[in-house]
């Protein structure tokens, strides 16, 4: 089990996620690769003081990239990421843009 501070990396703020959060109360986060669904649920509930119904996890594999440089072609790879879609209970919201 990893510390709660390291589970959530950043929120996903895309147009698709914004539509889901407005209509059916779902929010997206980029999370650490080692975190489980229980860890994610615990971290969101503790940080934002809301009740989580479900957690869906998406593992995204890193792309392979090729770049042309003066010394020839070089190969590289983007890192793997993990995303979580969290569904909150009705009448609860997370406001990412509110000032503290």
PDB file of N, CA and C in Angstrom:
ATOM      1  N   UNK A   1       0.848  -1.181   0.000  1.00  0.00           N
ATOM      2  CA  UNK A   1       0.000   0.000   0.000  1.00  0.00           C
ATOM      3  C   UNK A   1       0.886   1.234   0.000  1.00  0.00           C
ATOM      4  N   UNK A   2       0.592   2.163  -0.902  1.00  0.00           N
ATOM      5  CA  UNK A   2       1.406   3.369  -1.009  1.00  0.00           C
ATOM      6  C   UNK A   2       0.758   4.499  -0.216  1.00  0.00           C
ATOM      7  N   UNK A   3       1.523   5.525   0.175  1.00  0.00           N
ATOM      8  CA  UNK A   3       0.949   6.642   0.933  1.00  0.00           C
ATOM      9  C   UNK A   3      -0.144   7.372   0.144  1.00  0.00           C
ATOM     10  N   UNK A   4      -1.148   7.873   0.844  1.00  0.00           N
ATOM     11  CA  UNK A   4      -2.287   8.537   0.209  1.00  0.00           C
ATOM     12  C   UNK A   4      -1.879   9.779  -0.576  1.00  0.00           C
ATOM     13  N   UNK A   5      -0.798  10.440  -0.182  1.00  0.00           N
ATOM     14  CA  UNK A   5      -0.368  11.658  -0.866  1.00  0.00           C
ATOM     15  C   UNK A   5       0.192  11.360  -2.256  1.00  0.00           C
ATOM     16  N   UNK A   6       0.625  10.125  -2.493  1.00  0.00           N
ATOM     17  CA  UNK A   6       1.241   9.770  -3.760  1.00  0.00           C
ATOM     18  C   UNK A   6       0.294   9.058  -4.719  1.00  0.00           C
ATOM     19  N   UNK A   7      -0.942   8.829  -4.325  1.00  0.00           N
ATOM     20  CA  UNK A   7      -1.882   8.103  -5.180  1.00  0.00           C
ATOM     21  C   UNK A   7      -2.368   9.000  -6.316  1.00  0.00           C
ATOM     22  N   UNK A   8      -2.916  10.167  -5.994  1.00  0.00           N
ATOM     23  CA  UNK A   8      -3.442  11.079  -7.005  1.00  0.00           C
ATOM     24  C   UNK A   8      -2.323  11.978  -7.513  1.00  0.00           C
ATOM     25  N   UNK A   9      -2.076  11.972  -8.813  1.00  0.00           N
ATOM     26  CA  UNK A   9      -1.026  12.806  -9.391  1.00  0.00           C
ATOM     27  C   UNK A   9      -1.606  14.128  -9.866  1.00  0.00           C
ATOM     28  N   UNK A  10      -2.646  14.069 -10.721  1.00  0.00           N
ATOM     29  CA  UNK A  10      -3.293  15.290 -11.194  1.00  0.00           C
ATOM     30  C   UNK A  10      -4.669  14.953 -11.742  1.00  0.00           C
ATOM     31  N   UNK A  11      -5.573  15.933 -11.796  1.00  0.00           N
ATOM     32  CA  UNK A  11      -6.881  15.684 -12.404  1.00  0.00           C
ATOM     33  C   UNK A  11      -6.784  15.725 -13.921  1.00  0.00           C
ATOM     34  N   UNK A  12      -7.685  15.017 -14.571  1.00  0.00           N
ATOM     35  CA  UNK A  12      -7.787  15.050 -16.029  1.00  0.00           C
ATOM     36  C   UNK A  12      -8.871  16.071 -16.358  1.00  0.00           C
ATOM     37  N   UNK A  13      -8.497  17.154 -17.028  1.00  0.00           N
ATOM     38  CA  UNK A  13      -9.441  18.231 -17.329  1.00  0.00           C
ATOM     39  C   UNK A  13      -9.625  18.356 -18.840  1.00  0.00           C
ATOM     40  N   UNK A  14     -10.271  17.371 -19.431  1.00  0.00           N
ATOM     41  CA  UNK A  14     -10.563  17.397 -20.856  1.00  0.00           C
ATOM     42  C   UNK A  14     -12.042  17.709 -21.054  1.00  0.00           C
ATOM     43  N   UNK A  15     -12.389  18.010 -22.286  1.00  0.00           N
ATOM     44  CA  UNK A  15     -13.778  18.336 -22.584  1.00  0.00           C
ATOM     45  C   UNK A  15     -14.695  17.134 -22.339  1.00  0.00           C
ATOM     46  N   UNK A  16     -14.215  15.955 -22.657  1.00  0.00           N
ATOM     47  CA  UNK A  16     -15.014  14.743 -22.466  1.00  0.00           C
ATOM     48  C   UNK A  16     -15.283  14.487 -20.977  1.00  0.00           C
ATOM     49  N   UNK A  17     -14.262  14.645 -20.148  1.00  0.00           N
ATOM     50  CA  UNK A  17     -14.425  14.450 -18.707  1.00  0.00           C
ATOM     51  C   UNK A  17     -15.316  15.542 -18.108  1.00  0.00           C
ATOM     52  N   UNK A  18     -15.201  16.773 -18.609  1.00  0.00           N
ATOM     53  CA  UNK A  18     -16.057  17.859 -18.124  1.00  0.00           C
ATOM     54  C   UNK A  18     -17.527  17.555 -18.403  1.00  0.00           C
ATOM     55  N   UNK A  19     -17.835  17.004 -19.579  1.00  0.00           N
ATOM     56  CA  UNK A  19     -19.213  16.617 -19.891  1.00  0.00           C
ATOM     57  C   UNK A  19     -19.701  15.507 -18.965  1.00  0.00           C
ATOM     58  N   UNK A  20     -18.829  14.525 -18.678  1.00  0.00           N
ATOM     59  CA  UNK A  20     -19.218  13.453 -17.757  1.00  0.00           C
ATOM     60  C   UNK A  20     -19.460  13.984 -16.351  1.00  0.00           C
ATOM     61  N   UNK A  21     -18.643  14.924 -15.906  1.00  0.00           N
ATOM     62  CA  UNK A  21     -18.814  15.450 -14.551  1.00  0.00           C
ATOM     63  C   UNK A  21     -20.079  16.282 -14.440  1.00  0.00           C
ATOM     64  N   UNK A  22     -20.453  16.988 -15.508  1.00  0.00           N
ATOM     65  CA  UNK A  22     -21.678  17.784 -15.474  1.00  0.00           C
ATOM     66  C   UNK A  22     -22.928  16.914 -15.517  1.00  0.00           C
ATOM     67  N   UNK A  23     -22.890  15.850 -16.320  1.00  0.00           N
ATOM     68  CA  UNK A  23     -24.095  15.048 -16.533  1.00  0.00           C
ATOM     69  C   UNK A  23     -24.263  13.921 -15.513  1.00  0.00           C
ATOM     70  N   UNK A  24     -23.218  13.106 -15.321  1.00  0.00           N
ATOM     71  CA  UNK A  24     -23.407  11.908 -14.504  1.00  0.00           C
ATOM     72  C   UNK A  24     -22.418  11.800 -13.356  1.00  0.00           C
ATOM     73  N   UNK A  25     -21.823  12.924 -12.963  1.00  0.00           N
ATOM     74  CA  UNK A  25     -21.032  12.985 -11.725  1.00  0.00           C
ATOM     75  C   UNK A  25     -19.793  12.088 -11.744  1.00  0.00           C
ATOM     76  N   UNK A  26     -19.052  12.092 -12.867  1.00  0.00           N
ATOM     77  CA  UNK A  26     -17.815  11.318 -12.969  1.00  0.00           C
ATOM     78  C   UNK A  26     -16.638  12.267 -13.139  1.00  0.00           C
ATOM     79  N   UNK A  27     -15.519  11.926 -12.513  1.00  0.00           N
ATOM     80  CA  UNK A  27     -14.315  12.754 -12.548  1.00  0.00           C
ATOM     81  C   UNK A  27     -13.118  11.883 -12.879  1.00  0.00           C
ATOM     82  N   UNK A  28     -12.132  12.455 -13.584  1.00  0.00           N
ATOM     83  CA  UNK A  28     -10.963  11.706 -13.996  1.00  0.00           C
ATOM     84  C   UNK A  28      -9.701  12.174 -13.309  1.00  0.00           C
ATOM     85  N   UNK A  29      -8.812  11.242 -13.020  1.00  0.00           N
ATOM     86  CA  UNK A  29      -7.536  11.538 -12.372  1.00  0.00           C
ATOM     87  C   UNK A  29      -6.440  10.690 -13.010  1.00  0.00           C
ATOM     88  N   UNK A  30      -5.229  11.252 -13.071  1.00  0.00           N
ATOM     89  CA  UNK A  30      -4.041  10.463 -13.376  1.00  0.00           C
ATOM     90  C   UNK A  30      -3.511   9.987 -12.034  1.00  0.00           C
ATOM     91  N   UNK A  31      -3.302   8.685 -11.898  1.00  0.00           N
ATOM     92  CA  UNK A  31      -2.899   8.108 -10.616  1.00  0.00           C
ATOM     93  C   UNK A  31      -1.578   7.357 -10.788  1.00  0.00           C
ATOM     94  N   UNK A  32      -0.959   6.993  -9.683  1.00  0.00           N
ATOM     95  CA  UNK A  32       0.305   6.258  -9.739  1.00  0.00           C
ATOM     96  C   UNK A  32       0.065   4.830 -10.235  1.00  0.00           C
ATOM     97  N   UNK A  33       1.084   4.254 -10.844  1.00  0.00           N
ATOM     98  CA  UNK A  33       0.951   2.923 -11.435  1.00  0.00           C
ATOM     99  C   UNK A  33       0.721   1.831 -10.393  1.00  0.00           C
ATOM    100  N   UNK A  34       1.186   2.031  -9.174  1.00  0.00           N
ATOM    101  CA  UNK A  34       1.078   1.004  -8.146  1.00  0.00           C
ATOM    102  C   UNK A  34      -0.240   1.056  -7.377  1.00  0.00           C
ATOM    103  N   UNK A  35      -1.061   2.073  -7.589  1.00  0.00           N
ATOM    104  CA  UNK A  35      -2.269   2.243  -6.792  1.00  0.00           C
ATOM    105  C   UNK A  35      -3.377   1.289  -7.241  1.00  0.00           C
ATOM    106  N   UNK A  36      -4.167   0.855  -6.278  1.00  0.00           N
ATOM    107  CA  UNK A  36      -5.300  -0.028  -6.551  1.00  0.00           C
ATOM    108  C   UNK A  36      -6.593   0.790  -6.501  1.00  0.00           C
ATOM    109  N   UNK A  37      -7.700   0.147  -6.834  1.00  0.00           N
ATOM    110  CA  UNK A  37      -8.988   0.843  -6.792  1.00  0.00           C
ATOM    111  C   UNK A  37      -9.327   1.293  -5.375  1.00  0.00           C
ATOM    112  N   UNK A  38      -9.016   0.474  -4.398  1.00  0.00           N
ATOM    113  CA  UNK A  38      -9.288   0.838  -3.005  1.00  0.00           C
ATOM    114  C   UNK A  38      -8.444   2.042  -2.573  1.00  0.00           C
ATOM    115  N   UNK A  39      -7.175   2.070  -2.998  1.00  0.00           N
ATOM    116  CA  UNK A  39      -6.304   3.208  -2.687  1.00  0.00           C
ATOM    117  C   UNK A  39      -6.844   4.493  -3.308  1.00  0.00           C
ATOM    118  N   UNK A  40      -7.302   4.416  -4.555  1.00  0.00           N
ATOM    119  CA  UNK A  40      -7.819   5.589  -5.251  1.00  0.00           C
ATOM    120  C   UNK A  40      -9.090   6.084  -4.569  1.00  0.00           C
ATOM    121  N   UNK A  41      -9.981   5.167  -4.221  1.00  0.00           N
ATOM    122  CA  UNK A  41     -11.227   5.548  -3.553  1.00  0.00           C
ATOM    123  C   UNK A  41     -10.929   6.234  -2.230  1.00  0.00           C
ATOM    124  N   UNK A  42     -10.030   5.677  -1.460  1.00  0.00           N
ATOM    125  CA  UNK A  42      -9.660   6.250  -0.165  1.00  0.00           C
ATOM    126  C   UNK A  42      -9.054   7.642  -0.319  1.00  0.00           C
ATOM    127  N   UNK A  43      -8.173   7.814  -1.310  1.00  0.00           N
ATOM    128  CA  UNK A  43      -7.489   9.092  -1.513  1.00  0.00           C
ATOM    129  C   UNK A  43      -8.459  10.190  -1.938  1.00  0.00           C
ATOM    130  N   UNK A  44      -9.394   9.868  -2.842  1.00  0.00           N
ATOM    131  CA  UNK A  44     -10.363  10.868  -3.296  1.00  0.00           C
ATOM    132  C   UNK A  44     -11.301  11.258  -2.166  1.00  0.00           C
ATOM    133  N   UNK A  45     -11.764  10.277  -1.401  1.00  0.00           N
ATOM    134  CA  UNK A  45     -12.663  10.576  -0.287  1.00  0.00           C
ATOM    135  C   UNK A  45     -11.979  11.435   0.770  1.00  0.00           C
ATOM    136  N   UNK A  46     -10.717  11.154   1.032  1.00  0.00           N
ATOM    137  CA  UNK A  46      -9.989  11.893   2.065  1.00  0.00           C
ATOM    138  C   UNK A  46      -9.634  13.305   1.604  1.00  0.00           C
ATOM    139  N   UNK A  47      -9.195  13.447   0.362  1.00  0.00           N
ATOM    140  CA  UNK A  47      -8.735  14.747  -0.119  1.00  0.00           C
ATOM    141  C   UNK A  47      -9.882  15.716  -0.393  1.00  0.00           C
ATOM    142  N   UNK A  48     -10.964  15.252  -1.010  1.00  0.00           N
ATOM    143  CA  UNK A  48     -12.049  16.134  -1.423  1.00  0.00           C
ATOM    144  C   UNK A  48     -13.278  16.053  -0.523  1.00  0.00           C
ATOM    145  N   UNK A  49     -13.272  15.174   0.473  1.00  0.00           N
ATOM    146  CA  UNK A  49     -14.375  15.015   1.426  1.00  0.00           C
ATOM    147  C   UNK A  49     -15.711  14.740   0.721  1.00  0.00           C
ATOM    148  N   UNK A  50     -15.695  13.717  -0.133  1.00  0.00           N
ATOM    149  CA  UNK A  50     -16.878  13.257  -0.853  1.00  0.00           C
ATOM    150  C   UNK A  50     -17.006  11.748  -0.673  1.00  0.00           C
ATOM    151  N   UNK A  51     -18.136  11.189  -1.094  1.00  0.00           N
ATOM    152  CA  UNK A  51     -18.348   9.748  -1.037  1.00  0.00           C
ATOM    153  C   UNK A  51     -18.275   9.178  -2.451  1.00  0.00           C
ATOM    154  N   UNK A  52     -17.403   8.194  -2.652  1.00  0.00           N
ATOM    155  CA  UNK A  52     -17.174   7.591  -3.963  1.00  0.00           C
ATOM    156  C   UNK A  52     -18.015   6.328  -4.086  1.00  0.00           C
ATOM    157  N   UNK A  53     -18.732   6.199  -5.220  1.00  0.00           N
ATOM    158  CA  UNK A  53     -19.508   4.986  -5.483  1.00  0.00           C
ATOM    159  C   UNK A  53     -18.657   3.934  -6.193  1.00  0.00           C
ATOM    160  N   UNK A  54     -18.083   4.298  -7.343  1.00  0.00           N
ATOM    161  CA  UNK A  54     -17.300   3.340  -8.117  1.00  0.00           C
ATOM    162  C   UNK A  54     -16.005   3.971  -8.615  1.00  0.00           C
ATOM    163  N   UNK A  55     -15.038   3.103  -8.923  1.00  0.00           N
ATOM    164  CA  UNK A  55     -13.761   3.517  -9.496  1.00  0.00           C
ATOM    165  C   UNK A  55     -13.462   2.605 -10.682  1.00  0.00           C
ATOM    166  N   UNK A  56     -13.209   3.201 -11.847  1.00  0.00           N
ATOM    167  CA  UNK A  56     -12.808   2.463 -13.038  1.00  0.00           C
ATOM    168  C   UNK A  56     -11.387   2.880 -13.374  1.00  0.00           C
ATOM    169  N   UNK A  57     -10.540   1.904 -13.726  1.00  0.00           N
ATOM    170  CA  UNK A  57      -9.123   2.159 -13.950  1.00  0.00           C
ATOM    171  C   UNK A  57      -8.768   1.858 -15.403  1.00  0.00           C
ATOM    172  N   UNK A  58      -7.929   2.729 -16.000  1.00  0.00           N
ATOM    173  CA  UNK A  58      -7.468   2.567 -17.378  1.00  0.00           C
ATOM    174  C   UNK A  58      -5.947   2.579 -17.363  1.00  0.00           C
ATOM    175  N   UNK A  59      -5.308   1.500 -17.832  1.00  0.00           N
ATOM    176  CA  UNK A  59      -3.860   1.451 -17.975  1.00  0.00           C
ATOM    177  C   UNK A  59      -3.503   1.851 -19.401  1.00  0.00           C
ATOM    178  N   UNK A  60      -2.699   2.908 -19.544  1.00  0.00           N
ATOM    179  CA  UNK A  60      -2.317   3.427 -20.848  1.00  0.00           C
ATOM    180  C   UNK A  60      -0.849   3.102 -21.084  1.00  0.00           C
ATOM    181  N   UNK A  61      -0.563   2.353 -22.138  1.00  0.00           N
ATOM    182  CA  UNK A  61       0.809   2.000 -22.470  1.00  0.00           C
ATOM    183  C   UNK A  61       1.485   3.181 -23.170  1.00  0.00           C
ATOM    184  N   UNK A  62       2.775   3.391 -22.878  1.00  0.00           N
ATOM    185  CA  UNK A  62       3.531   4.474 -23.487  1.00  0.00           C
ATOM    186  C   UNK A  62       3.838   4.193 -24.953  1.00  0.00           C
ATOM    187  N   UNK A  63       3.824   5.252 -25.754  1.00  0.00           N
ATOM    188  CA  UNK A  63       4.096   5.105 -27.182  1.00  0.00           C
ATOM    189  C   UNK A  63       5.594   5.035 -27.447  1.00  0.00           C
ATOM    190  N   UNK A  64       5.954   4.338 -28.520  1.00  0.00           N
ATOM    191  CA  UNK A  64       7.341   4.320 -28.982  1.00  0.00           C
ATOM    192  C   UNK A  64       7.515   5.464 -29.973  1.00  0.00           C
ATOM    193  N   UNK A  65       8.571   6.242 -29.800  1.00  0.00           N
ATOM    194  CA  UNK A  65       8.828   7.404 -30.647  1.00  0.00           C
ATOM    195  C   UNK A  65      10.185   7.283 -31.322  1.00  0.00           C
ATOM    196  N   UNK A  66      10.300   7.830 -32.534  1.00  0.00           N
ATOM    197  CA  UNK A  66      11.566   7.880 -33.266  1.00  0.00           C
ATOM    198  C   UNK A  66      11.827   9.337 -33.620  1.00  0.00           C
ATOM    199  N   UNK A  67      13.080   9.768 -33.414  1.00  0.00           N
ATOM    200  CA  UNK A  67      13.458  11.134 -33.741  1.00  0.00           C
ATOM    201  C   UNK A  67      14.692  11.118 -34.621  1.00  0.00           C
ATOM    202  N   UNK A  68      14.724  12.026 -35.579  1.00  0.00           N
ATOM    203  CA  UNK A  68      15.883  12.164 -36.450  1.00  0.00           C
ATOM    204  C   UNK A  68      16.772  13.276 -35.894  1.00  0.00           C
ATOM    205  N   UNK A  69      18.029  12.949 -35.606  1.00  0.00           N
ATOM    206  CA  UNK A  69      18.979  13.921 -35.089  1.00  0.00           C
ATOM    207  C   UNK A  69      20.199  13.970 -36.011  1.00  0.00           C
ATOM    208  N   UNK A  70      21.171  14.799 -35.678  1.00  0.00           N
ATOM    209  CA  UNK A  70      22.394  14.878 -36.478  1.00  0.00           C
ATOM    210  C   UNK A  70      23.152  13.551 -36.492  1.00  0.00           C
ATOM    211  N   UNK A  71      23.057  12.845 -35.411  1.00  0.00           N
ATOM    212  CA  UNK A  71      23.792  11.580 -35.296  1.00  0.00           C
ATOM    213  C   UNK A  71      23.003  10.388 -35.807  1.00  0.00           C
ATOM    214  N   UNK A  72      21.867  10.627 -36.383  1.00  0.00           N
ATOM    215  CA  UNK A  72      21.074   9.529 -36.927  1.00  0.00           C
ATOM    216  C   UNK A  72      19.742   9.394 -36.210  1.00  0.00           C
ATOM    217  N   UNK A  73      19.104   8.290 -36.404  1.00  0.00           N
ATOM    218  CA  UNK A  73      17.799   8.031 -35.794  1.00  0.00           C
ATOM    219  C   UNK A  73      17.977   7.556 -34.352  1.00  0.00           C
ATOM    220  N   UNK A  74      17.183   8.094 -33.469  1.00  0.00           N
ATOM    221  CA  UNK A  74      17.191   7.634 -32.085  1.00  0.00           C
ATOM    222  C   UNK A  74      15.794   7.146 -31.735  1.00  0.00           C
ATOM    223  N   UNK A  75      15.733   6.127 -30.940  1.00  0.00           N
ATOM    224  CA  UNK A  75      14.458   5.564 -30.499  1.00  0.00           C
ATOM    225  C   UNK A  75      14.224   5.925 -29.045  1.00  0.00           C
ATOM    226  N   UNK A  76      12.983   6.195 -28.709  1.00  0.00           N
ATOM    227  CA  UNK A  76      12.623   6.497 -27.337  1.00  0.00           C
ATOM    228  C   UNK A  76      11.242   5.955 -27.041  1.00  0.00           C
ATOM    229  N   UNK A  77      10.844   6.092 -25.802  1.00  0.00           N
ATOM    230  CA  UNK A  77       9.550   5.571 -25.396  1.00  0.00           C
ATOM    231  C   UNK A  77       8.963   6.470 -24.328  1.00  0.00           C
ATOM    232  N   UNK A  78       7.690   6.815 -24.458  1.00  0.00           N
ATOM    233  CA  UNK A  78       6.998   7.561 -23.413  1.00  0.00           C
ATOM    234  C   UNK A  78       6.669   6.606 -22.266  1.00  0.00           C
ATOM    235  N   UNK A  79       6.519   7.158 -21.096  1.00  0.00           N
ATOM    236  CA  UNK A  79       6.251   6.313 -19.939  1.00  0.00           C
ATOM    237  C   UNK A  79       4.788   5.866 -19.905  1.00  0.00           C
ATOM    238  N   UNK A  80       4.537   4.737 -19.258  1.00  0.00           N
ATOM    239  CA  UNK A  80       3.184   4.236 -19.063  1.00  0.00           C
ATOM    240  C   UNK A  80       2.475   5.108 -18.038  1.00  0.00           C
ATOM    241  N   UNK A  81       1.153   5.240 -18.182  1.00  0.00           N
ATOM    242  CA  UNK A  81       0.358   5.999 -17.218  1.00  0.00           C
ATOM    243  C   UNK A  81      -0.861   5.184 -16.817  1.00  0.00           C
ATOM    244  N   UNK A  82      -1.493   5.619 -15.760  1.00  0.00           N
ATOM    245  CA  UNK A  82      -2.706   4.975 -15.262  1.00  0.00           C
ATOM    246  C   UNK A  82      -3.713   6.070 -14.952  1.00  0.00           C
ATOM    247  N   UNK A  83      -4.942   5.913 -15.458  1.00  0.00           N
ATOM    248  CA  UNK A  83      -6.000   6.891 -15.231  1.00  0.00           C
ATOM    249  C   UNK A  83      -7.129   6.220 -14.460  1.00  0.00           C
ATOM    250  N   UNK A  84      -7.853   7.031 -13.696  1.00  0.00           N
ATOM    251  CA  UNK A  84      -8.997   6.522 -12.945  1.00  0.00           C
ATOM    252  C   UNK A  84     -10.205   7.416 -13.207  1.00  0.00           C
ATOM    253  N   UNK A  85     -11.351   6.807 -13.461  1.00  0.00           N
ATOM    254  CA  UNK A  85     -12.620   7.519 -13.587  1.00  0.00           C
ATOM    255  C   UNK A  85     -13.412   7.202 -12.320  1.00  0.00           C
ATOM    256  N   UNK A  86     -13.708   8.239 -11.543  1.00  0.00           N
ATOM    257  CA  UNK A  86     -14.340   8.082 -10.240  1.00  0.00           C
ATOM    258  C   UNK A  86     -15.770   8.599 -10.325  1.00  0.00           C
ATOM    259  N   UNK A  87     -16.739   7.789  -9.875  1.00  0.00           N
ATOM    260  CA  UNK A  87     -18.136   8.198  -9.825  1.00  0.00           C
ATOM    261  C   UNK A  87     -18.490   8.548  -8.386  1.00  0.00           C
ATOM    262  N   UNK A  88     -19.032   9.757  -8.199  1.00  0.00           N
ATOM    263  CA  UNK A  88     -19.438  10.209  -6.862  1.00  0.00           C
ATOM    264  C   UNK A  88     -20.913   9.948  -6.648  1.00  0.00           C
ATOM    265  N   UNK A  89     -21.326   9.993  -5.389  1.00  0.00           N
ATOM    266  CA  UNK A  89     -22.741   9.858  -5.080  1.00  0.00           C
ATOM    267  C   UNK A  89     -23.484  11.103  -5.553  1.00  0.00           C
ATOM    268  N   UNK A  90     -24.802  10.982  -5.690  1.00  0.00           N
ATOM    269  CA  UNK A  90     -25.608  12.096  -6.183  1.00  0.00           C
ATOM    270  C   UNK A  90     -25.482  13.296  -5.254  1.00  0.00           C
ATOM    271  N   UNK A  91     -25.620  14.464  -5.866  1.00  0.00           N
ATOM    272  CA  UNK A  91     -25.581  15.749  -5.155  1.00  0.00           C
ATOM    273  C   UNK A  91     -24.211  16.089  -4.585  1.00  0.00           C
ATOM    274  N   UNK A  92     -23.160  15.406  -5.001  1.00  0.00           N
ATOM    275  CA  UNK A  92     -21.807  15.741  -4.550  1.00  0.00           C
ATOM    276  C   UNK A  92     -20.973  16.140  -5.762  1.00  0.00           C
ATOM    277  N   UNK A  93     -20.110  17.132  -5.552  1.00  0.00           N
ATOM    278  CA  UNK A  93     -19.298  17.642  -6.652  1.00  0.00           C
ATOM    279  C   UNK A  93     -17.896  17.940  -6.166  1.00  0.00           C
ATOM    280  N   UNK A  94     -16.941  17.949  -7.104  1.00  0.00           N
ATOM    281  CA  UNK A  94     -15.571  18.388  -6.847  1.00  0.00           C
ATOM    282  C   UNK A  94     -15.345  19.617  -7.706  1.00  0.00           C
ATOM    283  N   UNK A  95     -14.922  20.714  -7.095  1.00  0.00           N
ATOM    284  CA  UNK A  95     -14.637  21.932  -7.829  1.00  0.00           C
ATOM    285  C   UNK A  95     -13.131  22.140  -7.859  1.00  0.00           C
ATOM    286  N   UNK A  96     -12.507  21.891  -9.019  1.00  0.00           N
ATOM    287  CA  UNK A  96     -11.061  22.006  -9.151  1.00  0.00           C
ATOM    288  C   UNK A  96     -10.617  23.460  -9.243  1.00  0.00           C
ATOM    289  N   UNK A  97     -11.513  24.364  -9.604  1.00  0.00           N
ATOM    290  CA  UNK A  97     -11.133  25.750  -9.842  1.00  0.00           C
ATOM    291  C   UNK A  97     -11.465  26.679  -8.697  1.00  0.00           C
ATOM    292  N   UNK A  98     -11.981  26.157  -7.595  1.00  0.00           N
ATOM    293  CA  UNK A  98     -12.314  27.000  -6.443  1.00  0.00           C
ATOM    294  C   UNK A  98     -11.039  27.390  -5.698  1.00  0.00           C
ATOM    295  N   UNK A  99     -10.952  28.628  -5.300  1.00  0.00           N
ATOM    296  CA  UNK A  99      -9.787  29.078  -4.524  1.00  0.00           C
ATOM    297  C   UNK A  99      -9.874  28.617  -3.095  1.00  0.00           C
ATOM    298  N   UNK A 100      -8.719  28.350  -2.500  1.00  0.00           N
ATOM    299  CA  UNK A 100      -8.706  27.890  -1.117  1.00  0.00           C
ATOM    300  C   UNK A 100      -8.399  29.018  -0.179  1.00  0.00           C
TER     301      UNK A 100
END
